Amino acid sequence: MNNQENPITLYQTEDGQISLEVRLEAETVWLRQDQMGVLFGRERSVITKHLRNVFAEGELDEKSNLQILHIGGSDKPVKFYNLDVTISVGYRVKSIQGTRFRQWATRVLRQHLLRGYTLNEARFAQNAAELELALSLIRKAARSPAVTAESGSGLVEIVSRYTQTFLWLQRYDEGMLTEPAGQHGGQLPSEAEAMAALAVLRHSLIDRKEATNLFARPRGDGLSALLGNLDQSVFGEPAYPTIESKAAHLLYFMVKNHPFVDGNKRSGAFLFVDFLHRNGRLFNRRGEPVVNDNGLAALTLLVAVSDPKQKETMIRLIMNMLASEHKEGP
């Protein structure tokens, strides 16, 4: 075979009388009309007649069994027919070469598929494990007493976005939940700015009798250390270089590190939204919130119930959701 994109393999009879360069693509083999003539030892007009009858009699659908391609040495497009068509013509001309070619093609296709599977087996296994890990998070969250009808609908949204992300990445053969390139930058709030914003939230919640004065009260220097960690550099480069990475880690660390005496999940969700707003990423290009209230509650709950060993899965999930929303057009 010459290359992965347009593989070519050589078919040759035992006596060497027939030698054909055969295209291998879309899990079948493809021959030109003139190659069928060589294979079956028939004039071109005979092959033309049988091809016409195969399609006219409804034995095979022409559109799904035919490719029209430009090839070197030809000044016009050339028709290629797949294995099913070749076998049908072989039966009609009563050539033993049809049977031998089918046996050869089946063997070659099996080898080709096995080789492709072997090359990708490790990635497929990793993808399956990653998918199961993320879905186990969602199952665990769904069983939590904290799930309400609203946060339950948010979980549905998270599952939907996760599935779209998974399929999108698989379609482009990029593996499972790799970190997106993202948008570089992202200005984090200072500790004073974060506390001032949380103070407004605290007063609002207290007025609605949904919190006490303990809400967002710092536990030591936890918030300062958390923000400092997100803003650190490694060998002169930002440890968290994109808006997506900063936002995902901000939410994760706020929920998991418990920098406050009370209200860490709500505070984390609030600062997550605040950070996106500060950096012009709270809305997608259609003017819609990148995550609605229910989705945010569900996402925060997923982080809360996740095992620390699942940190990277959660981080990549959040980052890919944010990145895919940013890429969408109006």
Protein backbone atom coordinates (compact mmCIF):
# COMPACT_ATOMS: atom_id res chain seq x y z
CA MET A 1 0.00 0.00 0.00
CA ASN A 2 1.37 3.40 -0.85
CA ASN A 3 -0.27 5.72 1.66
CA GLN A 4 -2.96 5.79 4.32
CA GLU A 5 -5.23 8.28 2.60
CA ASN A 6 -5.48 6.50 -0.78
CA PRO A 7 -4.11 2.99 -0.15
CA ILE A 8 -3.23 0.87 -3.15
CA THR A 9 -2.52 -2.86 -2.97
CA LEU A 10 -1.37 -5.25 -5.69
CA TYR A 11 -3.50 -8.17 -6.88
CA GLN A 12 -1.59 -10.81 -8.78
CA THR A 13 -2.58 -14.28 -9.96
CA GLU A 14 -0.37 -17.23 -9.07
CA ASP A 15 0.88 -17.57 -12.62
CA GLY A 16 1.63 -13.85 -12.81
CA GLN A 17 -0.57 -13.45 -15.89
CA ILE A 18 -2.76 -10.81 -14.22
CA SER A 19 -1.42 -7.93 -12.11
CA LEU A 20 -3.65 -5.07 -10.99
CA GLU A 21 -3.17 -2.06 -8.71
CA VAL A 22 -6.32 -2.11 -6.58
CA ARG A 23 -7.68 0.79 -4.55
CA LEU A 24 -8.53 -0.04 -0.93
CA GLU A 25 -10.96 2.40 0.66
CA ALA A 26 -14.16 2.52 2.76
CA GLU A 27 -13.73 -1.15 3.79
CA THR A 28 -13.88 -2.45 0.22
CA VAL A 29 -11.76 -2.65 -2.94
CA TRP A 30 -12.30 -0.63 -6.12
CA LEU A 31 -11.59 -1.46 -9.77
CA ARG A 32 -11.92 0.51 -12.98
CA GLN A 33 -13.88 -0.90 -15.90
CA ASP A 34 -10.71 -1.58 -17.89
CA GLN A 35 -9.24 -3.45 -14.89
CA MET A 36 -12.31 -5.71 -14.80
CA GLY A 37 -11.69 -6.44 -18.46
CA VAL A 38 -8.14 -7.54 -17.65
CA LEU A 39 -9.28 -9.54 -14.60
CA PHE A 40 -12.00 -11.44 -16.46
CA GLY A 41 -10.30 -11.56 -19.87
CA ARG A 42 -13.21 -9.82 -21.62
CA GLU A 43 -13.50 -6.96 -24.07
CA ARG A 44 -14.46 -3.54 -22.70
CA SER A 45 -17.82 -3.68 -24.51
CA VAL A 46 -18.70 -6.91 -22.67
CA ILE A 47 -17.87 -5.40 -19.28
CA THR A 48 -19.87 -2.27 -20.18
CA LYS A 49 -22.93 -4.38 -21.03
CA HIS A 50 -22.79 -6.34 -17.77
CA LEU A 51 -22.25 -3.21 -15.68
CA ARG A 52 -25.28 -1.62 -17.30
CA ASN A 53 -27.40 -4.70 -16.58
CA VAL A 54 -26.26 -5.00 -12.95
CA PHE A 55 -27.65 -1.54 -12.23
CA ALA A 56 -30.62 -1.59 -14.64
CA GLU A 57 -31.96 -4.84 -13.15
CA GLY A 58 -31.71 -3.44 -9.63
CA GLU A 59 -29.17 -6.00 -8.47
CA LEU A 60 -27.07 -3.19 -7.02
CA ASP A 61 -27.53 0.54 -6.54
CA GLU A 62 -25.16 2.42 -8.84
CA LYS A 63 -24.81 5.53 -6.68
CA SER A 64 -23.66 3.72 -3.53
CA ASN A 65 -21.32 1.32 -5.33
CA LEU A 66 -19.52 3.76 -7.60
CA GLN A 67 -16.79 6.37 -7.13
CA ILE A 68 -15.79 8.94 -9.73
CA LEU A 69 -12.23 10.09 -9.15
CA HIS A 70 -9.48 12.06 -10.83
CA ILE A 71 -6.32 10.00 -11.29
CA GLY A 72 -2.91 10.69 -12.75
CA GLY A 73 -2.55 10.11 -16.47
CA SER A 74 -6.24 10.73 -17.21
CA ASP A 75 -7.63 14.01 -18.50
CA LYS A 76 -11.14 13.25 -17.22
CA PRO A 77 -12.74 11.64 -14.14
CA VAL A 78 -12.60 7.86 -13.94
CA LYS A 79 -15.29 5.51 -12.59
CA PHE A 80 -14.31 2.98 -9.92
CA TYR A 81 -16.59 0.10 -8.92
CA ASN A 82 -16.49 -1.68 -5.55
CA LEU A 83 -16.11 -5.38 -4.74
CA ASP A 84 -19.86 -6.11 -4.91
CA VAL A 85 -20.01 -4.82 -8.47
CA THR A 86 -16.88 -6.72 -9.47
CA ILE A 87 -18.29 -9.97 -8.07
CA SER A 88 -21.61 -9.42 -9.88
CA VAL A 89 -19.84 -8.90 -13.19
CA GLY A 90 -17.71 -11.98 -12.49
CA TYR A 91 -20.81 -14.13 -12.05
CA ARG A 92 -22.27 -12.81 -15.29
CA VAL A 93 -19.16 -13.55 -17.36
CA LYS A 94 -18.80 -16.92 -15.57
CA SER A 95 -15.14 -16.31 -14.80
CA ILE A 96 -13.32 -18.34 -12.14
CA GLN A 97 -11.22 -15.20 -11.60
CA GLY A 98 -14.26 -13.59 -9.93
CA THR A 99 -14.19 -16.19 -7.15
CA ARG A 100 -10.42 -15.98 -6.74
CA PHE A 101 -10.51 -12.19 -6.67
CA ARG A 102 -13.27 -12.24 -4.02
CA GLN A 103 -11.23 -14.62 -1.84
CA TRP A 104 -8.14 -12.42 -2.19
CA ALA A 105 -10.09 -9.22 -1.48
CA THR A 106 -11.73 -10.70 1.63
CA ARG A 107 -8.33 -11.72 2.98
CA VAL A 108 -6.76 -8.33 2.23
CA LEU A 109 -9.67 -6.41 3.76
CA ARG A 110 -9.55 -8.53 6.91
CA GLN A 111 -5.82 -7.85 7.29
CA HIS A 112 -6.32 -4.14 6.65
CA LEU A 113 -9.09 -3.82 9.24
CA LEU A 114 -7.12 -5.83 11.79
CA ARG A 115 -4.07 -3.65 11.25
CA GLY A 116 -6.16 -0.51 11.66
CA TYR A 117 -7.76 -1.85 14.82
CA THR A 118 -4.38 -2.79 16.29
CA LEU A 119 -2.98 0.67 15.63
CA ASN A 120 -5.93 2.34 17.36
CA GLU A 121 -6.67 -0.24 20.06
CA ALA A 122 -4.85 1.65 22.80
CA ARG A 123 -6.62 4.93 21.97
CA PHE A 124 -10.03 3.23 21.81
CA ALA A 125 -9.44 1.61 25.20
CA GLN A 126 -8.44 4.96 26.68
CA ASN A 127 -11.49 6.63 25.19
CA ALA A 128 -13.83 3.99 26.58
CA ALA A 129 -12.29 4.29 30.03
CA GLU A 130 -12.53 8.08 29.93
CA LEU A 131 -16.16 7.98 28.84
CA GLU A 132 -17.07 5.47 31.56
CA LEU A 133 -15.28 7.58 34.16
CA ALA A 134 -17.16 10.73 33.23
CA LEU A 135 -20.51 8.97 33.07
CA SER A 136 -19.88 7.34 36.46
CA LEU A 137 -19.52 10.86 37.85
CA ILE A 138 -22.92 11.76 36.44
CA ARG A 139 -24.51 8.57 37.81
CA LYS A 140 -23.07 9.30 41.25
CA ALA A 141 -24.33 12.87 41.16
CA ALA A 142 -27.79 11.73 40.07
CA ARG A 143 -28.07 9.61 43.22
CA SER A 144 -27.13 12.50 45.48
CA PRO A 145 -29.82 13.81 47.89
CA ALA A 146 -28.85 17.29 46.68
CA VAL A 147 -30.37 16.64 43.26
CA THR A 148 -33.58 18.57 42.68
CA ALA A 149 -35.77 18.73 39.61
CA GLU A 150 -33.85 21.82 38.50
CA SER A 151 -30.37 20.40 39.03
CA GLY A 152 -31.56 17.14 37.50
CA SER A 153 -32.41 18.96 34.29
CA GLY A 154 -29.00 20.55 34.52
CA LEU A 155 -27.44 17.09 34.63
CA VAL A 156 -29.28 16.27 31.41
CA GLU A 157 -27.70 19.36 29.84
CA ILE A 158 -24.25 18.33 31.04
CA VAL A 159 -24.72 14.81 29.64
CA SER A 160 -25.86 16.29 26.33
CA ARG A 161 -22.89 18.63 26.06
CA TYR A 162 -20.50 15.92 27.15
CA THR A 163 -21.84 13.55 24.49
CA GLN A 164 -21.55 16.24 21.81
CA THR A 165 -17.98 16.93 22.88
CA PHE A 166 -17.12 13.23 22.81
CA LEU A 167 -18.62 12.68 19.36
CA TRP A 168 -17.03 15.83 17.97
CA LEU A 169 -13.59 14.83 19.17
CA GLN A 170 -14.03 11.27 17.93
CA ARG A 171 -15.18 12.49 14.51
CA TYR A 172 -11.92 14.37 14.05
CA ASP A 173 -9.89 11.51 15.49
CA GLU A 174 -8.45 13.63 18.29
CA GLY A 175 -8.99 11.15 21.06
CA MET A 176 -11.14 11.56 24.11
CA LEU A 177 -11.42 14.87 25.97
CA THR A 178 -8.01 16.25 25.21
CA GLU A 179 -7.46 19.78 26.41
CA PRO A 180 -8.69 22.30 23.82
CA ALA A 181 -6.40 25.03 22.55
CA GLY A 182 -8.66 27.60 24.22
CA GLN A 183 -8.38 31.38 24.35
CA HIS A 184 -5.13 32.60 25.87
CA GLY A 185 -5.20 35.02 28.77
CA GLY A 186 -7.89 35.53 31.35
CA GLN A 187 -7.73 38.12 34.15
CA LEU A 188 -8.37 36.67 37.59
CA PRO A 189 -9.93 38.85 40.30
CA SER A 190 -7.74 39.91 43.20
CA GLU A 191 -8.62 38.56 46.62
CA ALA A 192 -10.17 41.91 47.53
CA GLU A 193 -12.26 41.98 44.33
CA ALA A 194 -13.45 38.42 44.87
CA MET A 195 -14.41 39.10 48.49
CA ALA A 196 -16.22 42.31 47.54
CA ALA A 197 -18.27 40.44 44.92
CA LEU A 198 -19.03 37.63 47.36
CA ALA A 199 -20.10 40.16 50.01
CA VAL A 200 -22.82 41.43 47.67
CA LEU A 201 -23.93 37.84 47.07
CA ARG A 202 -23.93 37.11 50.82
CA HIS A 203 -26.16 40.09 51.63
CA SER A 204 -28.56 39.07 48.87
CA LEU A 205 -28.78 35.49 50.16
CA ILE A 206 -29.22 36.61 53.76
CA ASP A 207 -32.05 38.93 52.74
CA ARG A 208 -33.75 35.90 51.14
CA LYS A 209 -32.97 33.80 54.24
CA GLU A 210 -30.87 31.45 52.13
CA ALA A 211 -27.59 31.97 54.02
CA THR A 212 -26.09 33.16 57.29
CA ASN A 213 -23.17 35.42 58.10
CA LEU A 214 -20.90 32.37 57.86
CA PHE A 215 -21.43 32.28 54.10
CA ALA A 216 -18.15 32.96 52.23
CA ARG A 217 -16.28 33.67 55.46
CA PRO A 218 -12.59 32.92 54.70
CA ARG A 219 -10.96 29.89 56.26
CA GLY A 220 -7.43 31.15 56.84
CA ASP A 221 -5.72 32.33 53.65
CA GLY A 222 -7.36 29.66 51.50
CA LEU A 223 -8.80 32.04 48.90
CA SER A 224 -5.57 34.02 48.58
CA ALA A 225 -3.55 30.84 48.09
CA LEU A 226 -6.06 29.52 45.56
CA LEU A 227 -6.01 32.65 43.40
CA GLY A 228 -2.23 32.84 43.69
CA ASN A 229 -1.93 29.27 42.52
CA LEU A 230 -4.07 29.97 39.46
CA ASP A 231 -1.92 32.99 38.58
CA GLN A 232 1.46 31.31 39.00
CA SER A 233 4.04 30.76 36.27
CA VAL A 234 6.20 27.75 35.48
CA PHE A 235 9.53 28.45 33.78
CA GLY A 236 8.24 31.86 32.80
CA GLU A 237 5.00 30.54 31.27
CA PRO A 238 1.52 30.69 32.87
CA ALA A 239 0.62 27.43 34.60
CA TYR A 240 -2.95 27.95 33.42
CA PRO A 241 -2.56 29.81 30.13
CA THR A 242 -6.14 29.98 28.86
CA ILE A 243 -9.48 31.35 30.01
CA GLU A 244 -10.86 27.81 29.84
CA SER A 245 -8.14 26.33 32.05
CA LYS A 246 -8.39 29.13 34.62
CA ALA A 247 -12.18 28.92 34.78
CA ALA A 248 -12.22 25.12 35.12
CA HIS A 249 -9.57 25.07 37.84
CA LEU A 250 -11.17 28.00 39.66
CA LEU A 251 -14.47 26.13 39.98
CA TYR A 252 -12.77 22.86 40.87
CA PHE A 253 -10.47 24.31 43.55
CA MET A 254 -13.22 26.46 45.08
CA VAL A 255 -15.46 23.42 45.52
CA LYS A 256 -12.78 20.93 46.54
CA ASN A 257 -10.38 23.03 48.64
CA HIS A 258 -13.07 24.59 50.88
CA PRO A 259 -11.50 28.04 51.26
CA PHE A 260 -14.61 29.25 53.17
CA VAL A 261 -16.32 28.21 56.37
CA ASP A 262 -19.62 27.82 54.53
CA GLY A 263 -21.02 28.10 51.01
CA ASN A 264 -18.03 26.81 49.03
CA LYS A 265 -20.11 25.33 46.18
CA ARG A 266 -22.25 28.44 45.74
CA SER A 267 -19.22 30.70 46.09
CA GLY A 268 -17.29 28.62 43.56
CA ALA A 269 -20.15 28.76 41.06
CA PHE A 270 -20.48 32.51 41.59
CA LEU A 271 -16.76 33.22 41.09
CA PHE A 272 -16.75 30.91 38.04
CA VAL A 273 -19.49 33.04 36.44
CA ASP A 274 -17.85 36.25 37.65
CA PHE A 275 -14.54 35.24 36.05
CA LEU A 276 -16.23 34.43 32.73
CA HIS A 277 -18.05 37.79 32.86
CA ARG A 278 -14.84 39.72 33.59
CA ASN A 279 -13.25 38.16 30.52
CA GLY A 280 -16.14 38.49 28.08
CA ARG A 281 -16.91 34.78 27.98
CA LEU A 282 -20.17 34.54 29.92
CA PHE A 283 -22.17 34.47 26.67
CA ASN A 284 -21.59 32.54 23.47
CA ARG A 285 -21.68 34.08 20.01
CA ARG A 286 -25.44 33.71 19.87
CA GLY A 287 -25.78 35.88 22.99
CA GLU A 288 -26.80 32.93 25.18
CA PRO A 289 -25.20 32.07 28.56
CA VAL A 290 -22.49 29.44 28.12
CA VAL A 291 -24.16 27.55 30.96
CA ASN A 292 -27.59 28.28 32.46
CA ASP A 293 -28.47 28.21 36.16
CA ASN A 294 -29.50 24.57 36.18
CA GLY A 295 -26.45 23.53 34.20
CA LEU A 296 -24.17 25.46 36.54
CA ALA A 297 -25.76 23.82 39.59
CA ALA A 298 -25.33 20.39 38.01
CA LEU A 299 -21.72 21.09 37.00
CA THR A 300 -20.89 22.26 40.54
CA LEU A 301 -22.53 19.15 41.95
CA LEU A 302 -20.49 16.94 39.61
CA VAL A 303 -17.30 18.52 40.89
CA ALA A 304 -18.44 18.13 44.50
CA VAL A 305 -19.20 14.40 44.28
CA SER A 306 -16.23 13.52 42.05
CA ASP A 307 -13.34 11.51 43.41
CA PRO A 308 -10.02 13.43 43.54
CA LYS A 309 -8.64 10.80 41.14
CA GLN A 310 -11.16 12.09 38.60
CA LYS A 311 -9.86 15.65 38.71
CA GLU A 312 -8.40 15.67 35.21
CA THR A 313 -11.64 14.29 33.75
CA MET A 314 -13.66 17.06 35.39
CA ILE A 315 -11.22 19.76 34.34
CA ARG A 316 -11.17 18.62 30.70
CA LEU A 317 -14.95 18.30 30.66
CA ILE A 318 -15.41 21.91 31.81
CA MET A 319 -12.72 23.22 29.47
CA ASN A 320 -14.16 21.48 26.41
CA MET A 321 -17.65 22.73 27.19
CA LEU A 322 -16.42 26.30 27.39
CA ALA A 323 -14.25 25.97 24.29
CA SER A 324 -17.03 24.41 22.18
CA GLU A 325 -19.45 27.17 23.17
CA HIS A 326 -16.88 29.81 22.21
CA LYS A 327 -16.34 28.23 18.76
CA GLU A 328 -20.01 28.07 17.84
CA GLY A 329 -21.21 30.52 15.25
CA PRO A 330 -24.40 32.61 15.44
